[in-house]
Amino acid sequence: MSDDVLKTLEDKIDQLIALCAQLNLENQALKRENLGFQQERRDLIAKNDLARARVEATLQRLRSMEAAS
């Protein structure tokens, strides 16, 4: 192989290595972000369940009061 071909190949390999490193960093950041979203989702589901239970309890009390009157 000529020196020019080897130099071109070496440059492309260096670019691929740099791209791989960049993508690995981006992947790690996205994984951390995803973990945060998963935790936020769990928190919101818990809050929603609590709100639903409170609304159901309030409705039940209102029905009981209505039936008693």
N, C-alpha and C. Protein backbone atom coordinates (compact mmCIF):
# COMPACT_ATOMS: atom_id res chain seq x y z
N MET A 1 0.85 -1.18 0.00
CA MET A 1 0.00 0.00 0.00
C MET A 1 0.89 1.24 0.00
N SER A 2 0.37 2.25 -0.63
CA SER A 2 1.14 3.49 -0.67
C SER A 2 0.97 4.25 0.64
N ASP A 3 1.87 5.18 0.86
CA ASP A 3 1.82 5.97 2.08
C ASP A 3 0.53 6.79 2.16
N ASP A 4 0.06 7.29 1.02
CA ASP A 4 -1.17 8.08 1.00
C ASP A 4 -2.38 7.24 1.42
N VAL A 5 -2.45 6.03 0.92
CA VAL A 5 -3.56 5.14 1.27
C VAL A 5 -3.51 4.80 2.76
N LEU A 6 -2.32 4.51 3.25
CA LEU A 6 -2.17 4.20 4.68
C LEU A 6 -2.53 5.39 5.55
N LYS A 7 -2.11 6.58 5.13
CA LYS A 7 -2.42 7.79 5.89
C LYS A 7 -3.93 8.03 5.90
N THR A 8 -4.58 7.85 4.77
CA THR A 8 -6.03 8.02 4.69
C THR A 8 -6.73 7.01 5.60
N LEU A 9 -6.28 5.77 5.55
CA LEU A 9 -6.86 4.73 6.39
C LEU A 9 -6.65 5.05 7.87
N GLU A 10 -5.47 5.49 8.21
CA GLU A 10 -5.17 5.85 9.59
C GLU A 10 -6.05 7.01 10.06
N ASP A 11 -6.25 8.00 9.21
CA ASP A 11 -7.11 9.13 9.55
C ASP A 11 -8.55 8.67 9.77
N LYS A 12 -9.02 7.79 8.91
CA LYS A 12 -10.39 7.29 9.06
C LYS A 12 -10.54 6.48 10.34
N ILE A 13 -9.53 5.70 10.67
CA ILE A 13 -9.58 4.91 11.90
C ILE A 13 -9.59 5.84 13.11
N ASP A 14 -8.77 6.90 13.06
CA ASP A 14 -8.75 7.87 14.15
C ASP A 14 -10.12 8.55 14.30
N GLN A 15 -10.75 8.86 13.18
CA GLN A 15 -12.08 9.47 13.22
C GLN A 15 -13.09 8.51 13.83
N LEU A 16 -12.99 7.23 13.46
CA LEU A 16 -13.91 6.24 14.03
C LEU A 16 -13.70 6.08 15.53
N ILE A 17 -12.45 6.10 15.96
CA ILE A 17 -12.16 6.00 17.39
C ILE A 17 -12.75 7.19 18.14
N ALA A 18 -12.58 8.38 17.57
CA ALA A 18 -13.13 9.58 18.20
C ALA A 18 -14.66 9.52 18.23
N LEU A 19 -15.26 9.08 17.14
CA LEU A 19 -16.72 8.97 17.09
C LEU A 19 -17.21 7.95 18.11
N CYS A 20 -16.50 6.84 18.22
CA CYS A 20 -16.88 5.80 19.19
C CYS A 20 -16.83 6.35 20.62
N ALA A 21 -15.78 7.09 20.93
CA ALA A 21 -15.66 7.68 22.27
C ALA A 21 -16.79 8.67 22.52
N GLN A 22 -17.09 9.48 21.53
CA GLN A 22 -18.18 10.47 21.66
C GLN A 22 -19.51 9.76 21.86
N LEU A 23 -19.76 8.72 21.08
CA LEU A 23 -21.02 7.99 21.20
C LEU A 23 -21.12 7.27 22.54
N ASN A 24 -20.01 6.77 23.05
CA ASN A 24 -20.02 6.14 24.37
C ASN A 24 -20.39 7.14 25.45
N LEU A 25 -19.83 8.35 25.38
CA LEU A 25 -20.18 9.39 26.35
C LEU A 25 -21.65 9.76 26.24
N GLU A 26 -22.11 9.90 25.02
CA GLU A 26 -23.52 10.25 24.81
C GLU A 26 -24.43 9.14 25.33
N ASN A 27 -24.04 7.90 25.09
CA ASN A 27 -24.83 6.75 25.56
C ASN A 27 -24.90 6.73 27.08
N GLN A 28 -23.78 7.00 27.74
CA GLN A 28 -23.78 7.03 29.20
C GLN A 28 -24.69 8.14 29.73
N ALA A 29 -24.64 9.30 29.08
CA ALA A 29 -25.49 10.42 29.50
C ALA A 29 -26.97 10.06 29.30
N LEU A 30 -27.28 9.43 28.19
CA LEU A 30 -28.67 9.05 27.92
C LEU A 30 -29.15 7.99 28.91
N LYS A 31 -28.28 7.07 29.28
CA LYS A 31 -28.65 6.06 30.27
C LYS A 31 -28.94 6.71 31.62
N ARG A 32 -28.10 7.68 32.02
CA ARG A 32 -28.37 8.39 33.29
C ARG A 32 -29.68 9.15 33.21
N GLU A 33 -29.91 9.81 32.08
CA GLU A 33 -31.15 10.56 31.90
C GLU A 33 -32.35 9.62 31.94
N ASN A 34 -32.21 8.46 31.32
CA ASN A 34 -33.29 7.48 31.31
C ASN A 34 -33.60 6.99 32.72
N LEU A 35 -32.56 6.76 33.51
CA LEU A 35 -32.79 6.35 34.90
C LEU A 35 -33.56 7.43 35.66
N GLY A 36 -33.22 8.68 35.40
CA GLY A 36 -33.95 9.78 36.04
C GLY A 36 -35.41 9.79 35.62
N PHE A 37 -35.66 9.57 34.34
CA PHE A 37 -37.04 9.54 33.85
C PHE A 37 -37.81 8.37 34.45
N GLN A 38 -37.14 7.23 34.59
CA GLN A 38 -37.80 6.07 35.19
C GLN A 38 -38.19 6.35 36.64
N GLN A 39 -37.29 7.00 37.37
CA GLN A 39 -37.59 7.34 38.77
C GLN A 39 -38.73 8.35 38.83
N GLU A 40 -38.69 9.34 37.94
CA GLU A 40 -39.76 10.34 37.90
C GLU A 40 -41.09 9.68 37.59
N ARG A 41 -41.09 8.72 36.68
CA ARG A 41 -42.32 8.00 36.32
C ARG A 41 -42.86 7.24 37.53
N ARG A 42 -41.96 6.56 38.25
CA ARG A 42 -42.40 5.83 39.44
C ARG A 42 -43.01 6.79 40.47
N ASP A 43 -42.35 7.94 40.65
CA ASP A 43 -42.87 8.93 41.60
C ASP A 43 -44.25 9.44 41.18
N LEU A 44 -44.41 9.72 39.88
CA LEU A 44 -45.69 10.22 39.39
C LEU A 44 -46.78 9.16 39.50
N ILE A 45 -46.45 7.92 39.25
CA ILE A 45 -47.43 6.84 39.40
C ILE A 45 -47.87 6.74 40.86
N ALA A 46 -46.91 6.84 41.78
CA ALA A 46 -47.24 6.77 43.21
C ALA A 46 -48.14 7.94 43.61
N LYS A 47 -47.82 9.14 43.13
CA LYS A 47 -48.65 10.30 43.44
C LYS A 47 -50.04 10.14 42.85
N ASN A 48 -50.12 9.62 41.64
CA ASN A 48 -51.41 9.40 40.99
C ASN A 48 -52.24 8.38 41.77
N ASP A 49 -51.60 7.31 42.21
CA ASP A 49 -52.31 6.30 43.00
C ASP A 49 -52.83 6.90 44.31
N LEU A 50 -52.00 7.72 44.95
CA LEU A 50 -52.42 8.36 46.20
C LEU A 50 -53.60 9.30 45.96
N ALA A 51 -53.51 10.09 44.90
CA ALA A 51 -54.61 11.02 44.58
C ALA A 51 -55.89 10.25 44.27
N ARG A 52 -55.77 9.15 43.52
CA ARG A 52 -56.93 8.33 43.19
C ARG A 52 -57.57 7.77 44.46
N ALA A 53 -56.74 7.29 45.37
CA ALA A 53 -57.26 6.73 46.62
C ALA A 53 -57.98 7.80 47.44
N ARG A 54 -57.41 9.00 47.46
CA ARG A 54 -58.05 10.09 48.22
C ARG A 54 -59.38 10.49 47.59
N VAL A 55 -59.42 10.57 46.28
CA VAL A 55 -60.68 10.92 45.59
C VAL A 55 -61.72 9.84 45.83
N GLU A 56 -61.32 8.58 45.73
CA GLU A 56 -62.26 7.48 45.97
C GLU A 56 -62.78 7.51 47.41
N ALA A 57 -61.90 7.80 48.36
CA ALA A 57 -62.32 7.88 49.76
C ALA A 57 -63.29 9.04 49.97
N THR A 58 -63.00 10.16 49.34
CA THR A 58 -63.89 11.33 49.45
C THR A 58 -65.25 11.02 48.85
N LEU A 59 -65.26 10.39 47.68
CA LEU A 59 -66.53 10.01 47.05
C LEU A 59 -67.31 9.05 47.93
N GLN A 60 -66.61 8.11 48.54
CA GLN A 60 -67.28 7.15 49.42
C GLN A 60 -67.90 7.86 50.63
N ARG A 61 -67.16 8.81 51.20
CA ARG A 61 -67.71 9.57 52.34
C ARG A 61 -68.94 10.37 51.90
N LEU A 62 -68.87 10.98 50.72
CA LEU A 62 -70.02 11.74 50.22
C LEU A 62 -71.22 10.84 50.00
N ARG A 63 -70.99 9.66 49.47
CA ARG A 63 -72.10 8.72 49.26
C ARG A 63 -72.71 8.30 50.59
N SER A 64 -71.83 8.07 51.57
CA SER A 64 -72.31 7.68 52.90
C SER A 64 -73.13 8.80 53.53
N MET A 65 -72.65 10.03 53.38
CA MET A 65 -73.38 11.18 53.94
C MET A 65 -74.71 11.36 53.22
N GLU A 66 -74.72 11.15 51.92
CA GLU A 66 -75.95 11.30 51.15
C GLU A 66 -76.95 10.21 51.53
N ALA A 67 -76.47 9.01 51.73
CA ALA A 67 -77.35 7.91 52.10
C ALA A 67 -77.89 8.10 53.52
N ALA A 68 -77.11 8.71 54.38
CA ALA A 68 -77.53 8.92 55.77
C ALA A 68 -78.56 10.03 55.90
N SER A 69 -78.63 10.92 54.93
CA SER A 69 -79.56 12.05 55.06
C SER A 69 -80.91 11.77 54.45
